[in-house]
Full PDB file with SEQRES, HELIX, SHEET, SSBOND, CRYST1, ORIGX, SCALE, CONECT and MASTER records, all heavy atoms in Angstrom:
SEQRES   1 A   32  THR ALA VAL TYR TYR CYS ALA ALA ARG ARG SER GLY VAL          
SEQRES   2 A   32  GLY TYR TYR THR ASP ASP GLY HIS TYR ASP TYR TRP GLY          
SEQRES   3 A   32  GLN GLY THR GLN VAL THR                                      
HELIX    1 AA1 ASP A   19  HIS A   21  5                                   3    
SHEET    1 AA1 2 ALA A   2  TYR A   4  0                                        
SHEET    2 AA1 2 THR A  29  VAL A  31 -1                                        
SHEET    1 AA2 2 ALA A   7  ALA A   8  0                                        
SHEET    2 AA2 2 TYR A  24  TRP A  25 -1                                        
CRYST1    1.000    1.000    1.000  90.00  90.00  90.00 P 1           1          
ORIGX1      1.000000  0.000000  0.000000        0.00000                         
ORIGX2      0.000000  1.000000  0.000000        0.00000                         
ORIGX3      0.000000  0.000000  1.000000        0.00000                         
SCALE1      1.000000  0.000000  0.000000        0.00000                         
SCALE2      0.000000  1.000000  0.000000        0.00000                         
SCALE3      0.000000  0.000000  1.000000        0.00000                         
ATOM      1  N   THR A   1     -81.045 -67.431  -7.183  1.00  0.00           N  
ATOM      2  CA  THR A   1     -80.336 -67.825  -5.975  1.00  0.00           C  
ATOM      3  C   THR A   1     -81.157 -67.477  -4.737  1.00  0.00           C  
ATOM      4  O   THR A   1     -81.569 -66.331  -4.557  1.00  0.00           O  
ATOM      5  CB  THR A   1     -78.971 -67.141  -5.909  1.00  0.00           C  
ATOM      6  OG1 THR A   1     -78.162 -67.588  -6.996  1.00  0.00           O  
ATOM      7  CG2 THR A   1     -78.263 -67.453  -4.602  1.00  0.00           C  
ATOM      8  N   ALA A   2     -81.402 -68.466  -3.883  1.00  0.00           N  
ATOM      9  CA  ALA A   2     -82.214 -68.273  -2.686  1.00  0.00           C  
ATOM     10  C   ALA A   2     -82.283 -69.582  -1.912  1.00  0.00           C  
ATOM     11  O   ALA A   2     -81.850 -70.630  -2.398  1.00  0.00           O  
ATOM     12  CB  ALA A   2     -83.635 -67.820  -3.051  1.00  0.00           C  
ATOM     13  N   VAL A   3     -82.839 -69.511  -0.711  1.00  0.00           N  
ATOM     14  CA  VAL A   3     -83.248 -70.704   0.005  1.00  0.00           C  
ATOM     15  C   VAL A   3     -84.675 -71.010  -0.424  1.00  0.00           C  
ATOM     16  O   VAL A   3     -85.548 -70.143  -0.356  1.00  0.00           O  
ATOM     17  CB  VAL A   3     -83.171 -70.530   1.530  1.00  0.00           C  
ATOM     18  CG1 VAL A   3     -83.695 -71.775   2.237  1.00  0.00           C  
ATOM     19  CG2 VAL A   3     -81.744 -70.235   1.955  1.00  0.00           C  
ATOM     20  N   TYR A   4     -84.905 -72.228  -0.860  1.00  0.00           N  
ATOM     21  CA  TYR A   4     -86.213 -72.637  -1.344  1.00  0.00           C  
ATOM     22  C   TYR A   4     -86.918 -73.467  -0.281  1.00  0.00           C  
ATOM     23  O   TYR A   4     -86.342 -74.403   0.279  1.00  0.00           O  
ATOM     24  CB  TYR A   4     -86.077 -73.436  -2.642  1.00  0.00           C  
ATOM     25  CG  TYR A   4     -85.803 -72.561  -3.838  1.00  0.00           C  
ATOM     26  CD1 TYR A   4     -84.568 -71.927  -3.983  1.00  0.00           C  
ATOM     27  CD2 TYR A   4     -86.777 -72.346  -4.810  1.00  0.00           C  
ATOM     28  CE1 TYR A   4     -84.317 -71.099  -5.065  1.00  0.00           C  
ATOM     29  CE2 TYR A   4     -86.528 -71.524  -5.891  1.00  0.00           C  
ATOM     30  CZ  TYR A   4     -85.301 -70.901  -6.021  1.00  0.00           C  
ATOM     31  OH  TYR A   4     -85.056 -70.089  -7.094  1.00  0.00           O  
ATOM     32  N   TYR A   5     -88.181 -73.121  -0.011  1.00  0.00           N  
ATOM     33  CA  TYR A   5     -88.982 -73.779   1.011  1.00  0.00           C  
ATOM     34  C   TYR A   5     -90.210 -74.439   0.407  1.00  0.00           C  
ATOM     35  O   TYR A   5     -90.862 -73.872  -0.464  1.00  0.00           O  
ATOM     36  CB  TYR A   5     -89.461 -72.769   2.059  1.00  0.00           C  
ATOM     37  CG  TYR A   5     -88.359 -72.126   2.859  1.00  0.00           C  
ATOM     38  CD1 TYR A   5     -87.785 -70.931   2.452  1.00  0.00           C  
ATOM     39  CD2 TYR A   5     -87.903 -72.714   4.039  1.00  0.00           C  
ATOM     40  CE1 TYR A   5     -86.778 -70.330   3.182  1.00  0.00           C  
ATOM     41  CE2 TYR A   5     -86.898 -72.118   4.780  1.00  0.00           C  
ATOM     42  CZ  TYR A   5     -86.340 -70.927   4.353  1.00  0.00           C  
ATOM     43  OH  TYR A   5     -85.347 -70.333   5.091  1.00  0.00           O  
ATOM     44  N   CYS A   6     -90.534 -75.605   0.912  1.00  0.00           N  
ATOM     45  CA  CYS A   6     -91.759 -76.306   0.582  1.00  0.00           C  
ATOM     46  C   CYS A   6     -92.787 -76.035   1.676  1.00  0.00           C  
ATOM     47  O   CYS A   6     -92.437 -75.957   2.857  1.00  0.00           O  
ATOM     48  CB  CYS A   6     -91.475 -77.806   0.466  1.00  0.00           C  
ATOM     49  SG  CYS A   6     -92.909 -78.842   0.148  1.00  0.00           S  
ATOM     50  N   ALA A   7     -94.058 -75.882   1.299  1.00  0.00           N  
ATOM     51  CA  ALA A   7     -95.109 -75.607   2.263  1.00  0.00           C  
ATOM     52  C   ALA A   7     -96.365 -76.399   1.920  1.00  0.00           C  
ATOM     53  O   ALA A   7     -96.616 -76.711   0.751  1.00  0.00           O  
ATOM     54  CB  ALA A   7     -95.427 -74.112   2.296  1.00  0.00           C  
ATOM     55  N   ALA A   8     -97.169 -76.708   2.942  1.00  0.00           N  
ATOM     56  CA  ALA A   8     -98.404 -77.473   2.774  1.00  0.00           C  
ATOM     57  C   ALA A   8     -99.549 -76.791   3.499  1.00  0.00           C  
ATOM     58  O   ALA A   8     -99.375 -76.278   4.603  1.00  0.00           O  
ATOM     59  CB  ALA A   8     -98.227 -78.895   3.295  1.00  0.00           C  
ATOM     60  N   ARG A   9    -100.720 -76.807   2.868  1.00  0.00           N  
ATOM     61  CA  ARG A   9    -101.945 -76.302   3.480  1.00  0.00           C  
ATOM     62  C   ARG A   9    -102.900 -77.471   3.684  1.00  0.00           C  
ATOM     63  O   ARG A   9    -103.129 -78.247   2.746  1.00  0.00           O  
ATOM     64  CB  ARG A   9    -102.598 -75.234   2.607  1.00  0.00           C  
ATOM     65  CG  ARG A   9    -103.910 -74.685   3.157  1.00  0.00           C  
ATOM     66  CD  ARG A   9    -104.501 -73.598   2.276  1.00  0.00           C  
ATOM     67  NE  ARG A   9    -105.858 -73.265   2.664  1.00  0.00           N  
ATOM     68  CZ  ARG A   9    -106.173 -72.365   3.593  1.00  0.00           C  
ATOM     69  NH1 ARG A   9    -105.222 -71.682   4.223  1.00  0.00           N  
ATOM     70  NH2 ARG A   9    -107.450 -72.136   3.896  1.00  0.00           N  
ATOM     71  N   ARG A  10    -103.488 -77.579   4.879  1.00  0.00           N  
ATOM     72  CA  ARG A  10    -104.266 -78.760   5.238  1.00  0.00           C  
ATOM     73  C   ARG A  10    -105.685 -78.767   4.696  1.00  0.00           C  
ATOM     74  O   ARG A  10    -106.352 -79.788   4.753  1.00  0.00           O  
ATOM     75  CB  ARG A  10    -104.304 -78.922   6.758  1.00  0.00           C  
ATOM     76  CG  ARG A  10    -104.953 -77.763   7.495  1.00  0.00           C  
ATOM     77  CD  ARG A  10    -104.732 -77.877   8.987  1.00  0.00           C  
ATOM     78  NE  ARG A  10    -105.243 -76.718   9.700  1.00  0.00           N  
ATOM     79  CZ  ARG A  10    -105.032 -76.473  10.977  1.00  0.00           C  
ATOM     80  NH1 ARG A  10    -104.299 -77.320  11.685  1.00  0.00           N  
ATOM     81  NH2 ARG A  10    -105.542 -75.392  11.538  1.00  0.00           N  
ATOM     82  N   SER A  11    -106.166 -77.667   4.202  1.00  0.00           N  
ATOM     83  CA  SER A  11    -107.513 -77.612   3.648  1.00  0.00           C  
ATOM     84  C   SER A  11    -107.534 -76.694   2.441  1.00  0.00           C  
ATOM     85  O   SER A  11    -106.608 -75.912   2.210  1.00  0.00           O  
ATOM     86  CB  SER A  11    -108.521 -77.157   4.697  1.00  0.00           C  
ATOM     87  OG  SER A  11    -108.254 -75.831   5.118  1.00  0.00           O  
ATOM     88  N   GLY A  12    -108.615 -76.791   1.673  1.00  0.00           N  
ATOM     89  CA  GLY A  12    -108.758 -75.994   0.475  1.00  0.00           C  
ATOM     90  C   GLY A  12    -108.815 -76.874  -0.754  1.00  0.00           C  
ATOM     91  O   GLY A  12    -108.366 -78.027  -0.733  1.00  0.00           O  
ATOM     92  N   VAL A  13    -109.370 -76.320  -1.826  1.00  0.00           N  
ATOM     93  CA  VAL A  13    -109.573 -77.105  -3.038  1.00  0.00           C  
ATOM     94  C   VAL A  13    -108.733 -76.632  -4.211  1.00  0.00           C  
ATOM     95  O   VAL A  13    -108.688 -77.293  -5.240  1.00  0.00           O  
ATOM     96  CB  VAL A  13    -111.059 -77.110  -3.445  1.00  0.00           C  
ATOM     97  CG1 VAL A  13    -111.896 -77.765  -2.368  1.00  0.00           C  
ATOM     98  CG2 VAL A  13    -111.548 -75.696  -3.717  1.00  0.00           C  
ATOM     99  N   GLY A  14    -108.047 -75.503  -4.064  1.00  0.00           N  
ATOM    100  CA  GLY A  14    -107.244 -74.969  -5.148  1.00  0.00           C  
ATOM    101  C   GLY A  14    -105.786 -74.849  -4.762  1.00  0.00           C  
ATOM    102  O   GLY A  14    -105.260 -75.681  -4.015  1.00  0.00           O  
ATOM    103  N   TYR A  15    -105.114 -73.814  -5.283  1.00  0.00           N  
ATOM    104  CA  TYR A  15    -103.753 -73.509  -4.886  1.00  0.00           C  
ATOM    105  C   TYR A  15    -103.729 -72.168  -4.167  1.00  0.00           C  
ATOM    106  O   TYR A  15    -104.677 -71.388  -4.251  1.00  0.00           O  
ATOM    107  CB  TYR A  15    -102.808 -73.499  -6.099  1.00  0.00           C  
ATOM    108  CG  TYR A  15    -103.186 -72.520  -7.193  1.00  0.00           C  
ATOM    109  CD1 TYR A  15    -102.979 -71.152  -7.041  1.00  0.00           C  
ATOM    110  CD2 TYR A  15    -103.722 -72.979  -8.392  1.00  0.00           C  
ATOM    111  CE1 TYR A  15    -103.320 -70.259  -8.043  1.00  0.00           C  
ATOM    112  CE2 TYR A  15    -104.059 -72.089  -9.404  1.00  0.00           C  
ATOM    113  CZ  TYR A  15    -103.859 -70.728  -9.219  1.00  0.00           C  
ATOM    114  OH  TYR A  15    -104.193 -69.843 -10.219  1.00  0.00           O  
ATOM    115  N   TYR A  16    -102.636 -71.895  -3.453  1.00  0.00           N  
ATOM    116  CA  TYR A  16    -102.534 -70.700  -2.629  1.00  0.00           C  
ATOM    117  C   TYR A  16    -101.182 -70.049  -2.852  1.00  0.00           C  
ATOM    118  O   TYR A  16    -100.153 -70.732  -2.888  1.00  0.00           O  
ATOM    119  CB  TYR A  16    -102.737 -71.049  -1.158  1.00  0.00           C  
ATOM    120  CG  TYR A  16    -104.089 -71.668  -0.904  1.00  0.00           C  
ATOM    121  CD1 TYR A  16    -104.284 -73.039  -1.059  1.00  0.00           C  
ATOM    122  CD2 TYR A  16    -105.177 -70.884  -0.553  1.00  0.00           C  
ATOM    123  CE1 TYR A  16    -105.533 -73.605  -0.867  1.00  0.00           C  
ATOM    124  CE2 TYR A  16    -106.428 -71.446  -0.353  1.00  0.00           C  
ATOM    125  CZ  TYR A  16    -106.603 -72.798  -0.512  1.00  0.00           C  
ATOM    126  OH  TYR A  16    -107.836 -73.361  -0.320  1.00  0.00           O  
ATOM    127  N   THR A  17    -101.180 -68.731  -3.013  1.00  0.00           N  
ATOM    128  CA  THR A  17     -99.956 -67.997  -3.311  1.00  0.00           C  
ATOM    129  C   THR A  17     -99.474 -67.137  -2.150  1.00  0.00           C  
ATOM    130  O   THR A  17     -98.378 -66.583  -2.226  1.00  0.00           O  
ATOM    131  CB  THR A  17    -100.156 -67.115  -4.545  1.00  0.00           C  
ATOM    132  OG1 THR A  17    -101.220 -66.181  -4.313  1.00  0.00           O  
ATOM    133  CG2 THR A  17    -100.514 -67.972  -5.762  1.00  0.00           C  
ATOM    134  N   ASP A  18    -100.251 -67.006  -1.092  1.00  0.00           N  
ATOM    135  CA  ASP A  18     -99.884 -66.235   0.092  1.00  0.00           C  
ATOM    136  C   ASP A  18     -99.281 -67.178   1.126  1.00  0.00           C  
ATOM    137  O   ASP A  18     -99.904 -68.183   1.485  1.00  0.00           O  
ATOM    138  CB  ASP A  18    -101.120 -65.533   0.652  1.00  0.00           C  
ATOM    139  CG  ASP A  18    -100.806 -64.565   1.769  1.00  0.00           C  
ATOM    140  OD1 ASP A  18     -99.749 -64.696   2.416  1.00  0.00           O  
ATOM    141  OD2 ASP A  18    -101.636 -63.668   2.023  1.00  0.00           O  
ATOM    142  N   ASP A  19     -98.079 -66.867   1.618  1.00  0.00           N  
ATOM    143  CA  ASP A  19     -97.441 -67.747   2.588  1.00  0.00           C  
ATOM    144  C   ASP A  19     -98.237 -67.877   3.879  1.00  0.00           C  
ATOM    145  O   ASP A  19     -98.105 -68.886   4.581  1.00  0.00           O  
ATOM    146  CB  ASP A  19     -96.004 -67.307   2.882  1.00  0.00           C  
ATOM    147  CG  ASP A  19     -95.900 -65.884   3.420  1.00  0.00           C  
ATOM    148  OD1 ASP A  19     -96.927 -65.202   3.557  1.00  0.00           O  
ATOM    149  OD2 ASP A  19     -94.757 -65.452   3.694  1.00  0.00           O  
ATOM    150  N   GLY A  20     -99.099 -66.893   4.187  1.00  0.00           N  
ATOM    151  CA  GLY A  20     -99.929 -66.962   5.372  1.00  0.00           C  
ATOM    152  C   GLY A  20    -101.002 -68.024   5.316  1.00  0.00           C  
ATOM    153  O   GLY A  20    -101.607 -68.351   6.341  1.00  0.00           O  
ATOM    154  N   HIS A  21    -101.254 -68.569   4.150  1.00  0.00           N  
ATOM    155  CA  HIS A  21    -102.268 -69.607   3.993  1.00  0.00           C  
ATOM    156  C   HIS A  21    -101.748 -71.010   4.277  1.00  0.00           C  
ATOM    157  O   HIS A  21    -102.529 -71.953   4.286  1.00  0.00           O  
ATOM    158  CB  HIS A  21    -102.846 -69.574   2.578  1.00  0.00           C  
ATOM    159  CG  HIS A  21    -103.735 -68.396   2.320  1.00  0.00           C  
ATOM    160  ND1 HIS A  21    -103.944 -67.882   1.063  1.00  0.00           N  
ATOM    161  CD2 HIS A  21    -104.481 -67.644   3.154  1.00  0.00           C  
ATOM    162  CE1 HIS A  21    -104.763 -66.858   1.128  1.00  0.00           C  
ATOM    163  NE2 HIS A  21    -105.109 -66.689   2.389  1.00  0.00           N  
ATOM    164  N   TYR A  22    -100.455 -71.158   4.498  1.00  0.00           N  
ATOM    165  CA  TYR A  22     -99.861 -72.482   4.666  1.00  0.00           C  
ATOM    166  C   TYR A  22     -99.653 -72.828   6.134  1.00  0.00           C  
ATOM    167  O   TYR A  22     -99.331 -71.964   6.960  1.00  0.00           O  
ATOM    168  CB  TYR A  22     -98.546 -72.577   3.886  1.00  0.00           C  
ATOM    169  CG  TYR A  22     -98.788 -72.655   2.402  1.00  0.00           C  
ATOM    170  CD1 TYR A  22     -98.906 -71.501   1.639  1.00  0.00           C  
ATOM    171  CD2 TYR A  22     -98.923 -73.884   1.770  1.00  0.00           C  
ATOM    172  CE1 TYR A  22     -99.162 -71.569   0.279  1.00  0.00           C  
ATOM    173  CE2 TYR A  22     -99.175 -73.958   0.408  1.00  0.00           C  
ATOM    174  CZ  TYR A  22     -99.295 -72.796  -0.331  1.00  0.00           C  
ATOM    175  OH  TYR A  22     -99.545 -72.875  -1.685  1.00  0.00           O  
ATOM    176  N   ASP A  23     -99.824 -74.113   6.458  1.00  0.00           N  
ATOM    177  CA  ASP A  23     -99.778 -74.601   7.832  1.00  0.00           C  
ATOM    178  C   ASP A  23     -98.451 -75.248   8.205  1.00  0.00           C  
ATOM    179  O   ASP A  23     -98.054 -75.223   9.367  1.00  0.00           O  
ATOM    180  CB  ASP A  23    -100.900 -75.617   8.062  1.00  0.00           C  
ATOM    181  CG  ASP A  23    -102.272 -75.038   7.797  1.00  0.00           C  
ATOM    182  OD1 ASP A  23    -102.663 -74.093   8.513  1.00  0.00           O  
ATOM    183  OD2 ASP A  23    -102.962 -75.524   6.867  1.00  0.00           O  
ATOM    184  N   TYR A  24     -97.763 -75.857   7.241  1.00  0.00           N  
ATOM    185  CA  TYR A  24     -96.540 -76.600   7.511  1.00  0.00           C  
ATOM    186  C   TYR A  24     -95.444 -76.168   6.552  1.00  0.00           C  
ATOM    187  O   TYR A  24     -95.703 -75.908   5.377  1.00  0.00           O  
ATOM    188  CB  TYR A  24     -96.784 -78.111   7.373  1.00  0.00           C  
ATOM    189  CG  TYR A  24     -97.943 -78.606   8.198  1.00  0.00           C  
ATOM    190  CD1 TYR A  24     -99.165 -78.898   7.609  1.00  0.00           C  
ATOM    191  CD2 TYR A  24     -97.821 -78.777   9.577  1.00  0.00           C  
ATOM    192  CE1 TYR A  24    -100.235 -79.341   8.363  1.00  0.00           C  
ATOM    193  CE2 TYR A  24     -98.889 -79.220  10.336  1.00  0.00           C  
ATOM    194  CZ  TYR A  24    -100.091 -79.496   9.729  1.00  0.00           C  
ATOM    195  OH  TYR A  24    -101.151 -79.939  10.487  1.00  0.00           O  
ATOM    196  N   TRP A  25     -94.209 -76.133   7.053  1.00  0.00           N  
ATOM    197  CA  TRP A  25     -93.059 -75.685   6.279  1.00  0.00           C  
ATOM    198  C   TRP A  25     -91.876 -76.609   6.453  1.00  0.00           C  
ATOM    199  O   TRP A  25     -91.656 -77.156   7.534  1.00  0.00           O  
ATOM    200  CB  TRP A  25     -92.643 -74.275   6.708  1.00  0.00           C  
ATOM    201  CG  TRP A  25     -93.656 -73.235   6.369  1.00  0.00           C  
ATOM    202  CD1 TRP A  25     -94.761 -72.889   7.097  1.00  0.00           C  
ATOM    203  CD2 TRP A  25     -93.661 -72.402   5.203  1.00  0.00           C  
ATOM    204  NE1 TRP A  25     -95.453 -71.886   6.449  1.00  0.00           N  
ATOM    205  CE2 TRP A  25     -94.805 -71.570   5.296  1.00  0.00           C  
ATOM    206  CE3 TRP A  25     -92.818 -72.273   4.107  1.00  0.00           C  
ATOM    207  CZ2 TRP A  25     -95.112 -70.631   4.315  1.00  0.00           C  
ATOM    208  CZ3 TRP A  25     -93.128 -71.336   3.142  1.00  0.00           C  
ATOM    209  CH2 TRP A  25     -94.261 -70.530   3.250  1.00  0.00           C  
ATOM    210  N   GLY A  26     -91.112 -76.784   5.385  1.00  0.00           N  
ATOM    211  CA  GLY A  26     -89.870 -77.512   5.465  1.00  0.00           C  
ATOM    212  C   GLY A  26     -88.746 -76.626   5.965  1.00  0.00           C  
ATOM    213  O   GLY A  26     -88.933 -75.435   6.236  1.00  0.00           O  
ATOM    214  N   GLN A  27     -87.552 -77.201   6.084  1.00  0.00           N  
ATOM    215  CA  GLN A  27     -86.403 -76.477   6.628  1.00  0.00           C  
ATOM    216  C   GLN A  27     -85.689 -75.622   5.585  1.00  0.00           C  
ATOM    217  O   GLN A  27     -84.875 -74.771   5.947  1.00  0.00           O  
ATOM    218  CB  GLN A  27     -85.413 -77.464   7.258  1.00  0.00           C  
ATOM    219  CG  GLN A  27     -84.429 -78.126   6.295  1.00  0.00           C  
ATOM    220  CD  GLN A  27     -85.070 -79.142   5.358  1.00  0.00           C  
ATOM    221  OE1 GLN A  27     -86.208 -79.552   5.533  1.00  0.00           O  
ATOM    222  NE2 GLN A  27     -84.312 -79.562   4.341  1.00  0.00           N  
ATOM    223  N   GLY A  28     -85.967 -75.854   4.319  1.00  0.00           N  
ATOM    224  CA  GLY A  28     -85.352 -75.098   3.247  1.00  0.00           C  
ATOM    225  C   GLY A  28     -84.137 -75.789   2.661  1.00  0.00           C  
ATOM    226  O   GLY A  28     -83.444 -76.550   3.332  1.00  0.00           O  
ATOM    227  N   THR A  29     -83.875 -75.511   1.386  1.00  0.00           N  
ATOM    228  CA  THR A  29     -82.690 -76.019   0.709  1.00  0.00           C  
ATOM    229  C   THR A  29     -82.091 -74.895  -0.129  1.00  0.00           C  
ATOM    230  O   THR A  29     -82.809 -74.162  -0.807  1.00  0.00           O  
ATOM    231  CB  THR A  29     -83.021 -77.256  -0.156  1.00  0.00           C  
ATOM    232  OG1 THR A  29     -81.821 -77.798  -0.708  1.00  0.00           O  
ATOM    233  CG2 THR A  29     -83.991 -76.915  -1.280  1.00  0.00           C  
ATOM    234  N   GLN A  30     -80.773 -74.735  -0.067  1.00  0.00           N  
ATOM    235  CA  GLN A  30     -80.093 -73.629  -0.730  1.00  0.00           C  
ATOM    236  C   GLN A  30     -79.887 -73.923  -2.208  1.00  0.00           C  
ATOM    237  O   GLN A  30     -79.402 -74.998  -2.582  1.00  0.00           O  
ATOM    238  CB  GLN A  30     -78.733 -73.367  -0.076  1.00  0.00           C  
ATOM    239  CG  GLN A  30     -77.905 -72.281  -0.755  1.00  0.00           C  
ATOM    240  CD  GLN A  30     -78.470 -70.898  -0.536  1.00  0.00           C  
ATOM    241  OE1 GLN A  30     -78.816 -70.543   0.598  1.00  0.00           O  
ATOM    242  NE2 GLN A  30     -78.575 -70.115  -1.602  1.00  0.00           N  
ATOM    243  N   VAL A  31     -80.243 -72.953  -3.039  1.00  0.00           N  
ATOM    244  CA  VAL A  31     -79.962 -72.998  -4.471  1.00  0.00           C  
ATOM    245  C   VAL A  31     -79.092 -71.793  -4.808  1.00  0.00           C  
ATOM    246  O   VAL A  31     -79.468 -70.653  -4.523  1.00  0.00           O  
ATOM    247  CB  VAL A  31     -81.251 -72.974  -5.311  1.00  0.00           C  
ATOM    248  CG1 VAL A  31     -80.925 -72.820  -6.799  1.00  0.00           C  
ATOM    249  CG2 VAL A  31     -82.063 -74.234  -5.069  1.00  0.00           C  
ATOM    250  N   THR A  32     -77.939 -72.045  -5.402  1.00  0.00           N  
ATOM    251  CA  THR A  32     -77.023 -70.974  -5.793  1.00  0.00           C  
ATOM    252  C   THR A  32     -76.721 -71.102  -7.278  1.00  0.00           C  
ATOM    253  O   THR A  32     -76.279 -72.158  -7.735  1.00  0.00           O  
ATOM    254  CB  THR A  32     -75.722 -71.033  -4.989  1.00  0.00           C  
ATOM    255  OG1 THR A  32     -76.011 -70.945  -3.591  1.00  0.00           O  
ATOM    256  CG2 THR A  32     -74.799 -69.885  -5.378  1.00  0.00           C  
TER     257      THR A  32                                                      
MASTER        0    0    0    1    4    0    0    6  256    1    0    3          
END                                                                             
């Protein structure tokens, strides 16, 4: 249970696990 957010990073060739690496964020959607 949480608010789930989508995020996008504009550069890089792999994946990123630190939220500080992302440039854009959605508004979130609640999952209960």
